[in-house]
Amino acid sequence: MRREPRPLTARQEAVLAVIRSSLAERGHGPTVREIGARVGLSSTSSVAHQLGRLEARGLIARTGRDWSTCVLVEGPPARRPGLRSRGPGGGVDGYGRRPAS
């Protein structure tokens, strides 16, 4: 049984909109402080958290070390190398432990 992905939060949508507009206007992503100023977050840690969630969902990717190098990812997110499915349940319980044999 596949779970439907959760919809983006309003804040995540706002962060994506800032990234889109910056890429369109300037050709590169905004800094963490610029994103925070435009979406109403004063903590750079909060902005980095939102960016990390978007990156984990496969919506943005960084081409360098800094968040200002982020680009929008088109299409479905790429599978991470080395990970494979073991089918339903994946052979572990909800806590990541293998069931006793």
C-alpha atoms as a PDB file:
ATOM      1  CA  MET A   1       0.000   0.000   0.000  1.00  0.00           C
ATOM      2  CA  ARG A   2       1.479   3.329  -1.064  1.00  0.00           C
ATOM      3  CA  ARG A   3       0.967   6.450   0.944  1.00  0.00           C
ATOM      4  CA  GLU A   4       0.102   9.632  -0.857  1.00  0.00           C
ATOM      5  CA  PRO A   5       2.726  12.312  -0.233  1.00  0.00           C
ATOM      6  CA  ARG A   6       1.640  15.047   2.120  1.00  0.00           C
ATOM      7  CA  PRO A   7       0.771  18.333   0.462  1.00  0.00           C
ATOM      8  CA  LEU A   8       3.213  21.192   0.845  1.00  0.00           C
ATOM      9  CA  THR A   9       2.638  23.543   3.752  1.00  0.00           C
ATOM     10  CA  ALA A  10       1.872  27.201   3.085  1.00  0.00           C
ATOM     11  CA  ARG A  11       5.384  28.108   4.227  1.00  0.00           C
ATOM     12  CA  GLN A  12       6.967  25.557   1.875  1.00  0.00           C
ATOM     13  CA  GLU A  13       4.891  26.945  -0.998  1.00  0.00           C
ATOM     14  CA  ALA A  14       6.067  30.452  -0.119  1.00  0.00           C
ATOM     15  CA  VAL A  15       9.720  29.370  -0.029  1.00  0.00           C
ATOM     16  CA  LEU A  16       9.347  27.684  -3.431  1.00  0.00           C
ATOM     17  CA  ALA A  17       7.762  30.846  -4.841  1.00  0.00           C
ATOM     18  CA  VAL A  18      10.706  32.941  -3.610  1.00  0.00           C
ATOM     19  CA  ILE A  19      13.166  30.506  -5.189  1.00  0.00           C
ATOM     20  CA  ARG A  20      11.239  30.502  -8.487  1.00  0.00           C
ATOM     21  CA  SER A  21      11.116  34.294  -8.669  1.00  0.00           C
ATOM     22  CA  SER A  22      14.804  34.657  -7.793  1.00  0.00           C
ATOM     23  CA  LEU A  23      15.823  32.131 -10.445  1.00  0.00           C
ATOM     24  CA  ALA A  24      13.668  33.914 -13.034  1.00  0.00           C
ATOM     25  CA  GLU A  25      14.848  37.438 -12.132  1.00  0.00           C
ATOM     26  CA  ARG A  26      18.528  36.906 -11.316  1.00  0.00           C
ATOM     27  CA  GLY A  27      19.432  33.479 -12.646  1.00  0.00           C
ATOM     28  CA  HIS A  28      20.488  32.108  -9.246  1.00  0.00           C
ATOM     29  CA  GLY A  29      18.812  31.168  -6.013  1.00  0.00           C
ATOM     30  CA  PRO A  30      18.245  33.553  -3.113  1.00  0.00           C
ATOM     31  CA  THR A  31      20.309  33.486   0.065  1.00  0.00           C
ATOM     32  CA  VAL A  32      18.856  32.047   3.254  1.00  0.00           C
ATOM     33  CA  ARG A  33      18.453  35.554   4.692  1.00  0.00           C
ATOM     34  CA  GLU A  34      16.667  36.773   1.545  1.00  0.00           C
ATOM     35  CA  ILE A  35      14.217  33.874   1.750  1.00  0.00           C
ATOM     36  CA  GLY A  36      13.621  34.549   5.443  1.00  0.00           C
ATOM     37  CA  ALA A  37      12.933  38.234   4.813  1.00  0.00           C
ATOM     38  CA  ARG A  38      10.432  37.474   2.055  1.00  0.00           C
ATOM     39  CA  VAL A  39       8.498  34.727   3.854  1.00  0.00           C
ATOM     40  CA  GLY A  40       8.567  36.228   7.349  1.00  0.00           C
ATOM     41  CA  LEU A  41      11.126  33.984   9.059  1.00  0.00           C
ATOM     42  CA  SER A  42      13.769  35.746  11.133  1.00  0.00           C
ATOM     43  CA  SER A  43      15.715  32.601  12.014  1.00  0.00           C
ATOM     44  CA  THR A  44      18.109  31.325   9.352  1.00  0.00           C
ATOM     45  CA  SER A  45      17.831  27.921  11.000  1.00  0.00           C
ATOM     46  CA  SER A  46      14.086  27.878  10.296  1.00  0.00           C
ATOM     47  CA  VAL A  47      14.707  28.757   6.656  1.00  0.00           C
ATOM     48  CA  ALA A  48      17.375  26.042   6.367  1.00  0.00           C
ATOM     49  CA  HIS A  49      14.914  23.549   7.874  1.00  0.00           C
ATOM     50  CA  GLN A  50      12.281  24.415   5.248  1.00  0.00           C
ATOM     51  CA  LEU A  51      14.878  24.150   2.481  1.00  0.00           C
ATOM     52  CA  GLY A  52      16.013  20.791   3.824  1.00  0.00           C
ATOM     53  CA  ARG A  53      12.445  19.480   3.779  1.00  0.00           C
ATOM     54  CA  LEU A  54      12.004  20.641   0.168  1.00  0.00           C
ATOM     55  CA  GLU A  55      15.313  19.021  -0.788  1.00  0.00           C
ATOM     56  CA  ALA A  56      14.296  15.767   0.938  1.00  0.00           C
ATOM     57  CA  ARG A  57      11.053  15.763  -1.068  1.00  0.00           C
ATOM     58  CA  GLY A  58      13.047  16.135  -4.281  1.00  0.00           C
ATOM     59  CA  LEU A  59      11.633  19.550  -5.204  1.00  0.00           C
ATOM     60  CA  ILE A  60      14.931  21.441  -5.049  1.00  0.00           C
ATOM     61  CA  ALA A  61      18.578  20.451  -5.294  1.00  0.00           C
ATOM     62  CA  ARG A  62      21.842  22.230  -4.601  1.00  0.00           C
ATOM     63  CA  THR A  63      24.568  22.427  -7.225  1.00  0.00           C
ATOM     64  CA  GLY A  64      27.089  23.594  -4.642  1.00  0.00           C
ATOM     65  CA  ARG A  65      27.467  23.759  -0.900  1.00  0.00           C
ATOM     66  CA  ASP A  66      25.350  26.865  -0.228  1.00  0.00           C
ATOM     67  CA  TRP A  67      21.577  27.095  -0.429  1.00  0.00           C
ATOM     68  CA  SER A  68      21.902  29.981  -2.887  1.00  0.00           C
ATOM     69  CA  THR A  69      23.004  27.385  -5.451  1.00  0.00           C
ATOM     70  CA  CYS A  70      19.648  25.612  -5.301  1.00  0.00           C
ATOM     71  CA  VAL A  71      17.714  24.837  -8.453  1.00  0.00           C
ATOM     72  CA  LEU A  72      14.211  23.532  -8.996  1.00  0.00           C
ATOM     73  CA  VAL A  73      14.035  19.846  -9.829  1.00  0.00           C
ATOM     74  CA  GLU A  74      11.864  19.021 -12.800  1.00  0.00           C
ATOM     75  CA  GLY A  75      10.176  15.631 -12.961  1.00  0.00           C
ATOM     76  CA  PRO A  76      10.046  12.868 -10.378  1.00  0.00           C
ATOM     77  CA  PRO A  77      12.760  12.784  -7.714  1.00  0.00           C
ATOM     78  CA  ALA A  78      15.707  10.531  -8.478  1.00  0.00           C
ATOM     79  CA  ARG A  79      16.131   7.382  -6.426  1.00  0.00           C
ATOM     80  CA  ARG A  80      19.011   7.468  -4.012  1.00  0.00           C
ATOM     81  CA  PRO A  81      21.698   4.967  -4.987  1.00  0.00           C
ATOM     82  CA  GLY A  82      22.059   1.950  -2.769  1.00  0.00           C
ATOM     83  CA  LEU A  83      18.467   1.931  -1.564  1.00  0.00           C
ATOM     84  CA  ARG A  84      16.097  -0.772  -2.653  1.00  0.00           C
ATOM     85  CA  SER A  85      12.699  -1.895  -1.597  1.00  0.00           C
ATOM     86  CA  ARG A  86      12.130  -5.194   0.133  1.00  0.00           C
ATOM     87  CA  GLY A  87       8.459  -5.120  -0.708  1.00  0.00           C
ATOM     88  CA  PRO A  88       5.623  -4.530   1.742  1.00  0.00           C
ATOM     89  CA  GLY A  89       6.912  -3.928   5.244  1.00  0.00           C
ATOM     90  CA  GLY A  90      10.515  -3.847   4.095  1.00  0.00           C
ATOM     91  CA  GLY A  91      11.411  -6.664   6.493  1.00  0.00           C
ATOM     92  CA  VAL A  92      11.407  -4.383   9.542  1.00  0.00           C
ATOM     93  CA  ASP A  93       8.866  -3.278  12.106  1.00  0.00           C
ATOM     94  CA  GLY A  94       7.876   0.359  12.705  1.00  0.00           C
ATOM     95  CA  TYR A  95      11.022   0.930  14.800  1.00  0.00           C
ATOM     96  CA  GLY A  96      13.489  -0.298  12.177  1.00  0.00           C
ATOM     97  CA  ARG A  97      14.031  -3.683  13.837  1.00  0.00           C
ATOM     98  CA  ARG A  98      13.798  -7.016  12.092  1.00  0.00           C
ATOM     99  CA  PRO A  99      11.083  -9.278  13.455  1.00  0.00           C
ATOM    100  CA  ALA A 100      12.209 -12.257  15.534  1.00  0.00           C
ATOM    101  CA  SER A 101      12.419 -15.487  13.533  1.00  0.00           C
END
